[in-house]
Amino acid sequence: MFDTMKTAEKIREARIAMNMTQMNLADAMGVSCQAVSNWERGDSLR
């Protein structure tokens, strides 16, 4: 079973470990800052 909250936490932890803001990650991936925020809350992984 896919655990959205565990995945969301891993995304957040990886971003912080790389010393990136949500905006930095969004720019690097070519997505919006809101998309990254949604991922980290687990909102768009369901």
C-alpha atoms as a PDB file:
ATOM      1  CA  MET A   1       0.000   0.000   0.000  1.00  0.00           C
ATOM      2  CA  PHE A   2       1.211   3.500  -0.878  1.00  0.00           C
ATOM      3  CA  ASP A   3       1.656   5.717   2.197  1.00  0.00           C
ATOM      4  CA  THR A   4       1.190   9.306   0.988  1.00  0.00           C
ATOM      5  CA  MET A   5       2.280  10.918   4.236  1.00  0.00           C
ATOM      6  CA  LYS A   6       5.497   8.893   4.356  1.00  0.00           C
ATOM      7  CA  THR A   7       6.274   9.883   0.762  1.00  0.00           C
ATOM      8  CA  ALA A   8       5.455  13.527   1.503  1.00  0.00           C
ATOM      9  CA  GLU A   9       7.846  13.496   4.466  1.00  0.00           C
ATOM     10  CA  LYS A  10      10.623  11.929   2.363  1.00  0.00           C
ATOM     11  CA  ILE A  11      10.241  14.676  -0.261  1.00  0.00           C
ATOM     12  CA  ARG A  12      10.457  17.342   2.438  1.00  0.00           C
ATOM     13  CA  GLU A  13      13.446  15.709   4.164  1.00  0.00           C
ATOM     14  CA  ALA A  14      15.337  15.359   0.873  1.00  0.00           C
ATOM     15  CA  ARG A  15      14.679  19.000  -0.023  1.00  0.00           C
ATOM     16  CA  ILE A  16      15.892  20.212   3.368  1.00  0.00           C
ATOM     17  CA  ALA A  17      18.956  17.932   3.262  1.00  0.00           C
ATOM     18  CA  MET A  18      19.900  19.577  -0.047  1.00  0.00           C
ATOM     19  CA  ASN A  19      19.452  23.006   1.584  1.00  0.00           C
ATOM     20  CA  MET A  20      16.737  23.981  -0.886  1.00  0.00           C
ATOM     21  CA  THR A  21      13.614  26.040  -0.437  1.00  0.00           C
ATOM     22  CA  GLN A  22      10.352  24.927  -1.975  1.00  0.00           C
ATOM     23  CA  MET A  23      10.891  27.618  -4.603  1.00  0.00           C
ATOM     24  CA  ASN A  24      14.399  26.320  -5.401  1.00  0.00           C
ATOM     25  CA  LEU A  25      13.065  22.789  -5.843  1.00  0.00           C
ATOM     26  CA  ALA A  26      10.145  23.988  -7.948  1.00  0.00           C
ATOM     27  CA  ASP A  27      12.478  25.938 -10.246  1.00  0.00           C
ATOM     28  CA  ALA A  28      14.846  22.971 -10.582  1.00  0.00           C
ATOM     29  CA  MET A  29      11.978  20.644 -11.498  1.00  0.00           C
ATOM     30  CA  GLY A  30      10.061  23.062 -13.698  1.00  0.00           C
ATOM     31  CA  VAL A  31       6.919  23.030 -11.560  1.00  0.00           C
ATOM     32  CA  SER A  32       5.144  25.602  -9.428  1.00  0.00           C
ATOM     33  CA  CYS A  33       5.973  26.298  -5.813  1.00  0.00           C
ATOM     34  CA  GLN A  34       2.385  25.318  -5.013  1.00  0.00           C
ATOM     35  CA  ALA A  35       3.004  21.875  -6.550  1.00  0.00           C
ATOM     36  CA  VAL A  36       5.950  21.278  -4.214  1.00  0.00           C
ATOM     37  CA  SER A  37       3.881  22.455  -1.265  1.00  0.00           C
ATOM     38  CA  ASN A  38       1.102  20.044  -2.244  1.00  0.00           C
ATOM     39  CA  TRP A  39       3.576  17.171  -2.503  1.00  0.00           C
ATOM     40  CA  GLU A  40       4.977  17.905   0.941  1.00  0.00           C
ATOM     41  CA  ARG A  41       1.474  17.975   2.435  1.00  0.00           C
ATOM     42  CA  GLY A  42       0.548  14.790   0.597  1.00  0.00           C
ATOM     43  CA  ASP A  43      -2.314  16.551  -1.167  1.00  0.00           C
ATOM     44  CA  SER A  44      -1.424  15.681  -4.754  1.00  0.00           C
ATOM     45  CA  LEU A  45      -0.151  12.158  -4.148  1.00  0.00           C
ATOM     46  CA  ARG A  46      -3.556  10.551  -3.632  1.00  0.00           C
END
